[in-house]
Amino acid sequence: YVIVLGGDHIYKMDYSKMVDFHIANDADCTISVIDVPRAE
């Protein structure tokens, strides 16, 4: 697996949980998303 990251965001995240989610879903690609206000 390869995880691709940006170098300019402020957040704390356990990437290993995202990799586990990727494996559990037999995914080819997993994209981290965040729920934003509809106006934005």
PDB file of all heavy atoms in Angstrom:
ATOM      1  N   TYR A   1       0.840  -1.206   0.000  1.00  0.00           N
ATOM      2  CA  TYR A   1       0.000   0.000   0.000  1.00  0.00           C
ATOM      3  C   TYR A   1       0.873   1.252   0.000  1.00  0.00           C
ATOM      4  O   TYR A   1       1.961   1.281   0.576  1.00  0.00           O
ATOM      5  CB  TYR A   1      -0.917   0.014   1.234  1.00  0.00           C
ATOM      6  CG  TYR A   1      -1.682  -1.271   1.402  1.00  0.00           C
ATOM      7  CD1 TYR A   1      -1.301  -2.206   2.362  1.00  0.00           C
ATOM      8  CD2 TYR A   1      -2.760  -1.571   0.564  1.00  0.00           C
ATOM      9  CE1 TYR A   1      -1.980  -3.406   2.500  1.00  0.00           C
ATOM     10  CE2 TYR A   1      -3.442  -2.772   0.689  1.00  0.00           C
ATOM     11  CZ  TYR A   1      -3.050  -3.681   1.649  1.00  0.00           C
ATOM     12  OH  TYR A   1      -3.718  -4.868   1.766  1.00  0.00           O
ATOM     13  N   VAL A   2       0.355   2.295  -0.642  1.00  0.00           N
ATOM     14  CA  VAL A   2       1.017   3.604  -0.647  1.00  0.00           C
ATOM     15  C   VAL A   2       0.008   4.630  -0.171  1.00  0.00           C
ATOM     16  O   VAL A   2      -1.135   4.670  -0.646  1.00  0.00           O
ATOM     17  CB  VAL A   2       1.525   3.979  -2.057  1.00  0.00           C
ATOM     18  CG1 VAL A   2       1.994   5.434  -2.092  1.00  0.00           C
ATOM     19  CG2 VAL A   2       2.659   3.060  -2.470  1.00  0.00           C
ATOM     20  N   ILE A   3       0.417   5.443   0.799  1.00  0.00           N
ATOM     21  CA  ILE A   3      -0.456   6.517   1.282  1.00  0.00           C
ATOM     22  C   ILE A   3       0.113   7.841   0.772  1.00  0.00           C
ATOM     23  O   ILE A   3       1.310   8.107   0.906  1.00  0.00           O
ATOM     24  CB  ILE A   3      -0.604   6.483   2.823  1.00  0.00           C
ATOM     25  CG1 ILE A   3      -1.580   7.558   3.294  1.00  0.00           C
ATOM     26  CG2 ILE A   3       0.717   6.601   3.539  1.00  0.00           C
ATOM     27  CD1 ILE A   3      -2.086   7.363   4.713  1.00  0.00           C
ATOM     28  N   VAL A   4      -0.741   8.630   0.132  1.00  0.00           N
ATOM     29  CA  VAL A   4      -0.332   9.915  -0.444  1.00  0.00           C
ATOM     30  C   VAL A   4      -0.915  11.028   0.424  1.00  0.00           C
ATOM     31  O   VAL A   4      -2.132  11.055   0.689  1.00  0.00           O
ATOM     32  CB  VAL A   4      -0.823  10.054  -1.898  1.00  0.00           C
ATOM     33  CG1 VAL A   4      -0.420  11.414  -2.473  1.00  0.00           C
ATOM     34  CG2 VAL A   4      -0.250   8.924  -2.759  1.00  0.00           C
ATOM     35  N   LEU A   5      -0.050  11.946   0.863  1.00  0.00           N
ATOM     36  CA  LEU A   5      -0.436  12.990   1.815  1.00  0.00           C
ATOM     37  C   LEU A   5      -0.072  14.366   1.286  1.00  0.00           C
ATOM     38  O   LEU A   5       0.867  14.515   0.496  1.00  0.00           O
ATOM     39  CB  LEU A   5       0.292  12.783   3.152  1.00  0.00           C
ATOM     40  CG  LEU A   5       0.206  11.408   3.803  1.00  0.00           C
ATOM     41  CD1 LEU A   5       1.229  11.287   4.923  1.00  0.00           C
ATOM     42  CD2 LEU A   5      -1.203  11.187   4.342  1.00  0.00           C
ATOM     43  N   GLY A   6      -0.791  15.381   1.758  1.00  0.00           N
ATOM     44  CA  GLY A   6      -0.392  16.765   1.538  1.00  0.00           C
ATOM     45  C   GLY A   6       0.445  17.237   2.714  1.00  0.00           C
ATOM     46  O   GLY A   6       0.353  16.688   3.810  1.00  0.00           O
ATOM     47  N   GLY A   7       1.253  18.262   2.476  1.00  0.00           N
ATOM     48  CA  GLY A   7       2.138  18.737   3.540  1.00  0.00           C
ATOM     49  C   GLY A   7       1.678  20.016   4.193  1.00  0.00           C
ATOM     50  O   GLY A   7       2.442  20.661   4.910  1.00  0.00           O
ATOM     51  N   ASP A   8       0.412  20.400   3.978  1.00  0.00           N
ATOM     52  CA  ASP A   8       0.005  21.739   4.417  1.00  0.00           C
ATOM     53  C   ASP A   8      -1.365  21.783   5.091  1.00  0.00           C
ATOM     54  O   ASP A   8      -2.059  22.789   5.022  1.00  0.00           O
ATOM     55  CB  ASP A   8       0.024  22.694   3.222  1.00  0.00           C
ATOM     56  CG  ASP A   8      -0.762  22.146   2.032  1.00  0.00           C
ATOM     57  OD1 ASP A   8      -1.413  21.101   2.184  1.00  0.00           O
ATOM     58  OD2 ASP A   8      -0.726  22.777   0.961  1.00  0.00           O
ATOM     59  N   HIS A   9      -1.755  20.663   5.732  1.00  0.00           N
ATOM     60  CA  HIS A   9      -3.021  20.652   6.469  1.00  0.00           C
ATOM     61  C   HIS A   9      -2.737  20.413   7.952  1.00  0.00           C
ATOM     62  O   HIS A   9      -1.770  19.732   8.307  1.00  0.00           O
ATOM     63  CB  HIS A   9      -3.954  19.553   5.953  1.00  0.00           C
ATOM     64  CG  HIS A   9      -4.370  19.756   4.529  1.00  0.00           C
ATOM     65  ND1 HIS A   9      -4.447  18.727   3.622  1.00  0.00           N
ATOM     66  CD2 HIS A   9      -4.723  20.873   3.851  1.00  0.00           C
ATOM     67  CE1 HIS A   9      -4.832  19.202   2.450  1.00  0.00           C
ATOM     68  NE2 HIS A   9      -5.001  20.499   2.568  1.00  0.00           N
ATOM     69  N   ILE A  10      -3.609  20.951   8.799  1.00  0.00           N
ATOM     70  CA  ILE A  10      -3.441  20.811  10.244  1.00  0.00           C
ATOM     71  C   ILE A  10      -4.515  19.854  10.768  1.00  0.00           C
ATOM     72  O   ILE A  10      -5.712  20.150  10.690  1.00  0.00           O
ATOM     73  CB  ILE A  10      -3.554  22.181  10.936  1.00  0.00           C
ATOM     74  CG1 ILE A  10      -2.418  23.094  10.466  1.00  0.00           C
ATOM     75  CG2 ILE A  10      -3.526  22.028  12.448  1.00  0.00           C
ATOM     76  CD1 ILE A  10      -2.633  24.547  10.790  1.00  0.00           C
ATOM     77  N   TYR A  11      -4.069  18.701  11.255  1.00  0.00           N
ATOM     78  CA  TYR A  11      -5.001  17.687  11.751  1.00  0.00           C
ATOM     79  C   TYR A  11      -4.188  16.584  12.426  1.00  0.00           C
ATOM     80  O   TYR A  11      -2.976  16.455  12.205  1.00  0.00           O
ATOM     81  CB  TYR A  11      -5.820  17.086  10.601  1.00  0.00           C
ATOM     82  CG  TYR A  11      -4.987  16.328   9.588  1.00  0.00           C
ATOM     83  CD1 TYR A  11      -5.014  14.939   9.525  1.00  0.00           C
ATOM     84  CD2 TYR A  11      -4.130  16.995   8.706  1.00  0.00           C
ATOM     85  CE1 TYR A  11      -4.232  14.239   8.607  1.00  0.00           C
ATOM     86  CE2 TYR A  11      -3.357  16.318   7.796  1.00  0.00           C
ATOM     87  CZ  TYR A  11      -3.409  14.939   7.746  1.00  0.00           C
ATOM     88  OH  TYR A  11      -2.621  14.252   6.849  1.00  0.00           O
ATOM     89  N   LYS A  12      -4.862  15.780  13.247  1.00  0.00           N
ATOM     90  CA  LYS A  12      -4.253  14.595  13.854  1.00  0.00           C
ATOM     91  C   LYS A  12      -5.056  13.380  13.397  1.00  0.00           C
ATOM     92  O   LYS A  12      -6.273  13.342  13.585  1.00  0.00           O
ATOM     93  CB  LYS A  12      -4.274  14.719  15.377  1.00  0.00           C
ATOM     94  CG  LYS A  12      -3.372  15.837  15.899  1.00  0.00           C
ATOM     95  CD  LYS A  12      -3.696  16.222  17.326  1.00  0.00           C
ATOM     96  CE  LYS A  12      -3.178  15.210  18.303  1.00  0.00           C
ATOM     97  NZ  LYS A  12      -3.286  15.684  19.697  1.00  0.00           N
ATOM     98  N   MET A  13      -4.374  12.407  12.772  1.00  0.00           N
ATOM     99  CA  MET A  13      -5.098  11.285  12.178  1.00  0.00           C
ATOM    100  C   MET A  13      -4.255  10.021  12.247  1.00  0.00           C
ATOM    101  O   MET A  13      -3.047  10.050  11.969  1.00  0.00           O
ATOM    102  CB  MET A  13      -5.432  11.615  10.722  1.00  0.00           C
ATOM    103  CG  MET A  13      -6.190  10.528   9.983  1.00  0.00           C
ATOM    104  SD  MET A  13      -6.561  11.099   8.302  1.00  0.00           S
ATOM    105  CE  MET A  13      -7.462   9.701   7.682  1.00  0.00           C
ATOM    106  N   ASP A  14      -4.898   8.923  12.594  1.00  0.00           N
ATOM    107  CA  ASP A  14      -4.236   7.617  12.618  1.00  0.00           C
ATOM    108  C   ASP A  14      -4.372   6.976  11.238  1.00  0.00           C
ATOM    109  O   ASP A  14      -5.422   6.440  10.886  1.00  0.00           O
ATOM    110  CB  ASP A  14      -4.869   6.729  13.694  1.00  0.00           C
ATOM    111  CG  ASP A  14      -4.084   5.438  13.914  1.00  0.00           C
ATOM    112  OD1 ASP A  14      -3.271   5.085  13.039  1.00  0.00           O
ATOM    113  OD2 ASP A  14      -4.304   4.791  14.961  1.00  0.00           O
ATOM    114  N   TYR A  15      -3.312   7.066  10.453  1.00  0.00           N
ATOM    115  CA  TYR A  15      -3.354   6.531   9.090  1.00  0.00           C
ATOM    116  C   TYR A  15      -3.499   5.009   9.084  1.00  0.00           C
ATOM    117  O   TYR A  15      -4.021   4.443   8.122  1.00  0.00           O
ATOM    118  CB  TYR A  15      -2.085   6.908   8.315  1.00  0.00           C
ATOM    119  CG  TYR A  15      -1.838   8.391   8.184  1.00  0.00           C
ATOM    120  CD1 TYR A  15      -0.551   8.915   8.320  1.00  0.00           C
ATOM    121  CD2 TYR A  15      -2.870   9.281   7.906  1.00  0.00           C
ATOM    122  CE1 TYR A  15      -0.304  10.270   8.185  1.00  0.00           C
ATOM    123  CE2 TYR A  15      -2.632  10.635   7.776  1.00  0.00           C
ATOM    124  CZ  TYR A  15      -1.338  11.129   7.922  1.00  0.00           C
ATOM    125  OH  TYR A  15      -1.102  12.470   7.789  1.00  0.00           O
ATOM    126  N   SER A  16      -3.049   4.342  10.152  1.00  0.00           N
ATOM    127  CA  SER A  16      -3.134   2.878  10.173  1.00  0.00           C
ATOM    128  C   SER A  16      -4.594   2.416  10.169  1.00  0.00           C
ATOM    129  O   SER A  16      -4.921   1.374   9.593  1.00  0.00           O
ATOM    130  CB  SER A  16      -2.396   2.311  11.391  1.00  0.00           C
ATOM    131  OG  SER A  16      -3.042   2.672  12.601  1.00  0.00           O
ATOM    132  N   LYS A  17      -5.487   3.204  10.786  1.00  0.00           N
ATOM    133  CA  LYS A  17      -6.915   2.861  10.766  1.00  0.00           C
ATOM    134  C   LYS A  17      -7.486   3.007   9.364  1.00  0.00           C
ATOM    135  O   LYS A  17      -8.352   2.228   8.946  1.00  0.00           O
ATOM    136  CB  LYS A  17      -7.687   3.740  11.755  1.00  0.00           C
ATOM    137  CG  LYS A  17      -7.384   3.433  13.216  1.00  0.00           C
ATOM    138  CD  LYS A  17      -8.219   4.285  14.148  1.00  0.00           C
ATOM    139  CE  LYS A  17      -7.923   3.941  15.614  1.00  0.00           C
ATOM    140  NZ  LYS A  17      -8.691   4.805  16.540  1.00  0.00           N
ATOM    141  N   MET A  18      -6.996   3.991   8.638  1.00  0.00           N
ATOM    142  CA  MET A  18      -7.443   4.181   7.257  1.00  0.00           C
ATOM    143  C   MET A  18      -6.951   3.041   6.370  1.00  0.00           C
ATOM    144  O   MET A  18      -7.685   2.556   5.502  1.00  0.00           O
ATOM    145  CB  MET A  18      -6.934   5.529   6.739  1.00  0.00           C
ATOM    146  CG  MET A  18      -7.453   5.900   5.360  1.00  0.00           C
ATOM    147  SD  MET A  18      -6.938   7.571   4.902  1.00  0.00           S
ATOM    148  CE  MET A  18      -7.445   7.606   3.172  1.00  0.00           C
ATOM    149  N   VAL A  19      -5.727   2.586   6.603  1.00  0.00           N
ATOM    150  CA  VAL A  19      -5.202   1.441   5.853  1.00  0.00           C
ATOM    151  C   VAL A  19      -6.012   0.187   6.175  1.00  0.00           C
ATOM    152  O   VAL A  19      -6.356  -0.598   5.274  1.00  0.00           O
ATOM    153  CB  VAL A  19      -3.696   1.228   6.153  1.00  0.00           C
ATOM    154  CG1 VAL A  19      -3.191  -0.059   5.515  1.00  0.00           C
ATOM    155  CG2 VAL A  19      -2.874   2.416   5.661  1.00  0.00           C
ATOM    156  N   ASP A  20      -6.356  -0.004   7.448  1.00  0.00           N
ATOM    157  CA  ASP A  20      -7.185  -1.158   7.841  1.00  0.00           C
ATOM    158  C   ASP A  20      -8.553  -1.108   7.161  1.00  0.00           C
ATOM    159  O   ASP A  20      -9.081  -2.142   6.720  1.00  0.00           O
ATOM    160  CB  ASP A  20      -7.368  -1.189   9.369  1.00  0.00           C
ATOM    161  CG  ASP A  20      -6.081  -1.542  10.107  1.00  0.00           C
ATOM    162  OD1 ASP A  20      -5.143  -2.053   9.458  1.00  0.00           O
ATOM    163  OD2 ASP A  20      -6.004  -1.276  11.323  1.00  0.00           O
ATOM    164  N   PHE A  21      -9.140   0.093   7.079  1.00  0.00           N
ATOM    165  CA  PHE A  21     -10.428   0.279   6.392  1.00  0.00           C
ATOM    166  C   PHE A  21     -10.294  -0.081   4.914  1.00  0.00           C
ATOM    167  O   PHE A  21     -11.164  -0.742   4.339  1.00  0.00           O
ATOM    168  CB  PHE A  21     -10.856   1.747   6.561  1.00  0.00           C
ATOM    169  CG  PHE A  21     -12.111   2.138   5.832  1.00  0.00           C
ATOM    170  CD1 PHE A  21     -13.358   2.003   6.432  1.00  0.00           C
ATOM    171  CD2 PHE A  21     -12.060   2.675   4.544  1.00  0.00           C
ATOM    172  CE1 PHE A  21     -14.519   2.373   5.770  1.00  0.00           C
ATOM    173  CE2 PHE A  21     -13.210   3.044   3.873  1.00  0.00           C
ATOM    174  CZ  PHE A  21     -14.446   2.901   4.489  1.00  0.00           C
ATOM    175  N   HIS A  22      -9.185   0.332   4.313  1.00  0.00           N
ATOM    176  CA  HIS A  22      -8.891   0.031   2.902  1.00  0.00           C
ATOM    177  C   HIS A  22      -8.830  -1.487   2.683  1.00  0.00           C
ATOM    178  O   HIS A  22      -9.428  -2.015   1.739  1.00  0.00           O
ATOM    179  CB  HIS A  22      -7.551   0.686   2.542  1.00  0.00           C
ATOM    180  CG  HIS A  22      -7.086   0.441   1.144  1.00  0.00           C
ATOM    181  ND1 HIS A  22      -7.440   1.236   0.083  1.00  0.00           N
ATOM    182  CD2 HIS A  22      -6.264  -0.515   0.625  1.00  0.00           C
ATOM    183  CE1 HIS A  22      -6.882   0.788  -1.024  1.00  0.00           C
ATOM    184  NE2 HIS A  22      -6.156  -0.279  -0.723  1.00  0.00           N
ATOM    185  N   ILE A  23      -8.146  -2.175   3.574  1.00  0.00           N
ATOM    186  CA  ILE A  23      -7.996  -3.633   3.456  1.00  0.00           C
ATOM    187  C   ILE A  23      -9.346  -4.336   3.669  1.00  0.00           C
ATOM    188  O   ILE A  23      -9.717  -5.251   2.919  1.00  0.00           O
ATOM    189  CB  ILE A  23      -6.950  -4.147   4.475  1.00  0.00           C
ATOM    190  CG1 ILE A  23      -5.566  -3.580   4.128  1.00  0.00           C
ATOM    191  CG2 ILE A  23      -6.913  -5.669   4.503  1.00  0.00           C
ATOM    192  CD1 ILE A  23      -4.533  -3.764   5.224  1.00  0.00           C
ATOM    193  N   ALA A  24     -10.091  -3.896   4.697  1.00  0.00           N
ATOM    194  CA  ALA A  24     -11.370  -4.530   5.021  1.00  0.00           C
ATOM    195  C   ALA A  24     -12.372  -4.429   3.869  1.00  0.00           C
ATOM    196  O   ALA A  24     -13.207  -5.317   3.681  1.00  0.00           O
ATOM    197  CB  ALA A  24     -11.956  -3.897   6.285  1.00  0.00           C
ATOM    198  N   ASN A  25     -12.275  -3.364   3.081  1.00  0.00           N
ATOM    199  CA  ASN A  25     -13.201  -3.164   1.962  1.00  0.00           C
ATOM    200  C   ASN A  25     -12.646  -3.678   0.635  1.00  0.00           C
ATOM    201  O   ASN A  25     -13.284  -3.477  -0.402  1.00  0.00           O
ATOM    202  CB  ASN A  25     -13.554  -1.678   1.838  1.00  0.00           C
ATOM    203  CG  ASN A  25     -14.522  -1.211   2.910  1.00  0.00           C
ATOM    204  OD1 ASN A  25     -15.697  -1.543   2.887  1.00  0.00           O
ATOM    205  ND2 ASN A  25     -14.002  -0.446   3.866  1.00  0.00           N
ATOM    206  N   ASP A  26     -11.469  -4.324   0.707  1.00  0.00           N
ATOM    207  CA  ASP A  26     -10.836  -4.811  -0.519  1.00  0.00           C
ATOM    208  C   ASP A  26     -10.796  -3.693  -1.572  1.00  0.00           C
ATOM    209  O   ASP A  26     -11.133  -3.888  -2.745  1.00  0.00           O
ATOM    210  CB  ASP A  26     -11.595  -6.026  -1.066  1.00  0.00           C
ATOM    211  CG  ASP A  26     -10.819  -6.740  -2.183  1.00  0.00           C
ATOM    212  OD1 ASP A  26      -9.577  -6.631  -2.198  1.00  0.00           O
ATOM    213  OD2 ASP A  26     -11.460  -7.364  -3.044  1.00  0.00           O
ATOM    214  N   ALA A  27     -10.396  -2.509  -1.125  1.00  0.00           N
ATOM    215  CA  ALA A  27     -10.435  -1.317  -1.974  1.00  0.00           C
ATOM    216  C   ALA A  27      -9.185  -1.224  -2.849  1.00  0.00           C
ATOM    217  O   ALA A  27      -8.121  -1.745  -2.503  1.00  0.00           O
ATOM    218  CB  ALA A  27     -10.552  -0.070  -1.105  1.00  0.00           C
ATOM    219  N   ASP A  28      -9.340  -0.555  -3.982  1.00  0.00           N
ATOM    220  CA  ASP A  28      -8.190  -0.201  -4.816  1.00  0.00           C
ATOM    221  C   ASP A  28      -7.649   1.165  -4.414  1.00  0.00           C
ATOM    222  O   ASP A  28      -6.461   1.435  -4.530  1.00  0.00           O
ATOM    223  CB  ASP A  28      -8.590  -0.177  -6.291  1.00  0.00           C
ATOM    224  CG  ASP A  28      -9.065  -1.557  -6.764  1.00  0.00           C
ATOM    225  OD1 ASP A  28      -8.319  -2.535  -6.536  1.00  0.00           O
ATOM    226  OD2 ASP A  28     -10.174  -1.648  -7.328  1.00  0.00           O
ATOM    227  N   CYS A  29      -8.558   2.022  -3.947  1.00  0.00           N
ATOM    228  CA  CYS A  29      -8.176   3.350  -3.464  1.00  0.00           C
ATOM    229  C   CYS A  29      -9.160   3.763  -2.377  1.00  0.00           C
ATOM    230  O   CYS A  29     -10.368   3.561  -2.507  1.00  0.00           O
ATOM    231  CB  CYS A  29      -8.200   4.366  -4.616  1.00  0.00           C
ATOM    232  SG  CYS A  29      -7.991   6.083  -4.086  1.00  0.00           S
ATOM    233  N   THR A  30      -8.629   4.340  -1.315  1.00  0.00           N
ATOM    234  CA  THR A  30      -9.468   4.893  -0.249  1.00  0.00           C
ATOM    235  C   THR A  30      -9.117   6.365  -0.100  1.00  0.00           C
ATOM    236  O   THR A  30      -7.941   6.724  -0.023  1.00  0.00           O
ATOM    237  CB  THR A  30      -9.246   4.149   1.075  1.00  0.00           C
ATOM    238  OG1 THR A  30      -9.599   2.767   0.895  1.00  0.00           O
ATOM    239  CG2 THR A  30     -10.091   4.742   2.187  1.00  0.00           C
ATOM    240  N   ILE A  31     -10.149   7.203  -0.068  1.00  0.00           N
ATOM    241  CA  ILE A  31      -9.965   8.654   0.000  1.00  0.00           C
ATOM    242  C   ILE A  31     -10.525   9.148   1.322  1.00  0.00           C
ATOM    243  O   ILE A  31     -11.690   8.872   1.654  1.00  0.00           O
ATOM    244  CB  ILE A  31     -10.699   9.352  -1.168  1.00  0.00           C
ATOM    245  CG1 ILE A  31     -10.190   8.808  -2.510  1.00  0.00           C
ATOM    246  CG2 ILE A  31     -10.518  10.860  -1.114  1.00  0.00           C
ATOM    247  CD1 ILE A  31     -11.266   8.478  -3.485  1.00  0.00           C
ATOM    248  N   SER A  32      -9.728   9.861   2.068  1.00  0.00           N
ATOM    249  CA  SER A  32     -10.210  10.421   3.326  1.00  0.00           C
ATOM    250  C   SER A  32     -11.090  11.640   3.033  1.00  0.00           C
ATOM    251  O   SER A  32     -10.712  12.512   2.252  1.00  0.00           O
ATOM    252  CB  SER A  32      -9.036  10.823   4.211  1.00  0.00           C
ATOM    253  OG  SER A  32      -9.507  11.261   5.467  1.00  0.00           O
ATOM    254  N   VAL A  33     -12.273  11.657   3.645  1.00  0.00           N
ATOM    255  CA  VAL A  33     -13.213  12.763   3.419  1.00  0.00           C
ATOM    256  C   VAL A  33     -13.653  13.336   4.761  1.00  0.00           C
ATOM    257  O   VAL A  33     -13.580  12.684   5.796  1.00  0.00           O
ATOM    258  CB  VAL A  33     -14.456  12.311   2.620  1.00  0.00           C
ATOM    259  CG1 VAL A  33     -14.067  11.826   1.239  1.00  0.00           C
ATOM    260  CG2 VAL A  33     -15.237  11.232   3.370  1.00  0.00           C
ATOM    261  N   ILE A  34     -14.101  14.577   4.704  1.00  0.00           N
ATOM    262  CA  ILE A  34     -14.645  15.228   5.894  1.00  0.00           C
ATOM    263  C   ILE A  34     -15.940  15.922   5.505  1.00  0.00           C
ATOM    264  O   ILE A  34     -16.062  16.479   4.409  1.00  0.00           O
ATOM    265  CB  ILE A  34     -13.621  16.211   6.506  1.00  0.00           C
ATOM    266  CG1 ILE A  34     -14.096  16.716   7.870  1.00  0.00           C
ATOM    267  CG2 ILE A  34     -13.299  17.360   5.558  1.00  0.00           C
ATOM    268  CD1 ILE A  34     -13.004  17.385   8.689  1.00  0.00           C
ATOM    269  N   ASP A  35     -16.917  15.845   6.389  1.00  0.00           N
ATOM    270  CA  ASP A  35     -18.219  16.468   6.125  1.00  0.00           C
ATOM    271  C   ASP A  35     -18.088  17.975   6.344  1.00  0.00           C
ATOM    272  O   ASP A  35     -17.717  18.423   7.430  1.00  0.00           O
ATOM    273  CB  ASP A  35     -19.268  15.879   7.075  1.00  0.00           C
ATOM    274  CG  ASP A  35     -20.687  16.092   6.588  1.00  0.00           C
ATOM    275  OD1 ASP A  35     -20.843  16.611   5.467  1.00  0.00           O
ATOM    276  OD2 ASP A  35     -21.633  15.747   7.317  1.00  0.00           O
ATOM    277  N   VAL A  36     -18.367  18.750   5.305  1.00  0.00           N
ATOM    278  CA  VAL A  36     -18.249  20.209   5.392  1.00  0.00           C
ATOM    279  C   VAL A  36     -19.635  20.841   5.259  1.00  0.00           C
ATOM    280  O   VAL A  36     -20.562  20.221   4.727  1.00  0.00           O
ATOM    281  CB  VAL A  36     -17.314  20.760   4.285  1.00  0.00           C
ATOM    282  CG1 VAL A  36     -15.906  20.231   4.456  1.00  0.00           C
ATOM    283  CG2 VAL A  36     -17.839  20.443   2.885  1.00  0.00           C
ATOM    284  N   PRO A  37     -19.820  22.066   5.750  1.00  0.00           N
ATOM    285  CA  PRO A  37     -21.111  22.750   5.549  1.00  0.00           C
ATOM    286  C   PRO A  37     -21.416  22.889   4.059  1.00  0.00           C
ATOM    287  O   PRO A  37     -20.509  23.134   3.254  1.00  0.00           O
ATOM    288  CB  PRO A  37     -20.874  24.127   6.199  1.00  0.00           C
ATOM    289  CG  PRO A  37     -19.742  23.924   7.155  1.00  0.00           C
ATOM    290  CD  PRO A  37     -18.886  22.861   6.554  1.00  0.00           C
ATOM    291  N   ARG A  38     -22.685  22.733   3.697  1.00  0.00           N
ATOM    292  CA  ARG A  38     -23.062  22.779   2.274  1.00  0.00           C
ATOM    293  C   ARG A  38     -22.641  24.097   1.622  1.00  0.00           C
ATOM    294  O   ARG A  38     -22.272  24.136   0.452  1.00  0.00           O
ATOM    295  CB  ARG A  38     -24.575  22.573   2.133  1.00  0.00           C
ATOM    296  CG  ARG A  38     -25.034  22.396   0.690  1.00  0.00           C
ATOM    297  CD  ARG A  38     -26.433  21.840   0.607  1.00  0.00           C
ATOM    298  NE  ARG A  38     -26.513  20.433   1.005  1.00  0.00           N
ATOM    299  CZ  ARG A  38     -26.239  19.414   0.194  1.00  0.00           C
ATOM    300  NH1 ARG A  38     -25.846  19.639  -1.049  1.00  0.00           N
ATOM    301  NH2 ARG A  38     -26.344  18.181   0.637  1.00  0.00           N
ATOM    302  N   ALA A  39     -22.661  25.176   2.388  1.00  0.00           N
ATOM    303  CA  ALA A  39     -22.292  26.483   1.832  1.00  0.00           C
ATOM    304  C   ALA A  39     -20.823  26.530   1.403  1.00  0.00           C
ATOM    305  O   ALA A  39     -20.445  27.322   0.540  1.00  0.00           O
ATOM    306  CB  ALA A  39     -22.570  27.582   2.858  1.00  0.00           C
ATOM    307  N   GLU A  40     -19.982  25.664   2.023  1.00  0.00           N
ATOM    308  CA  GLU A  40     -18.554  25.659   1.700  1.00  0.00           C
ATOM    309  C   GLU A  40     -18.169  24.546   0.724  1.00  0.00           C
ATOM    310  O   GLU A  40     -17.033  24.496   0.247  1.00  0.00           O
ATOM    311  CB  GLU A  40     -17.726  25.494   2.986  1.00  0.00           C
ATOM    312  CG  GLU A  40     -17.826  26.657   3.947  1.00  0.00           C
ATOM    313  CD  GLU A  40     -16.963  26.440   5.186  1.00  0.00           C
ATOM    314  OE1 GLU A  40     -15.996  25.661   5.101  1.00  0.00           O
ATOM    315  OE2 GLU A  40     -17.267  27.034   6.228  1.00  0.00           O
TER     316      GLU A  40
END
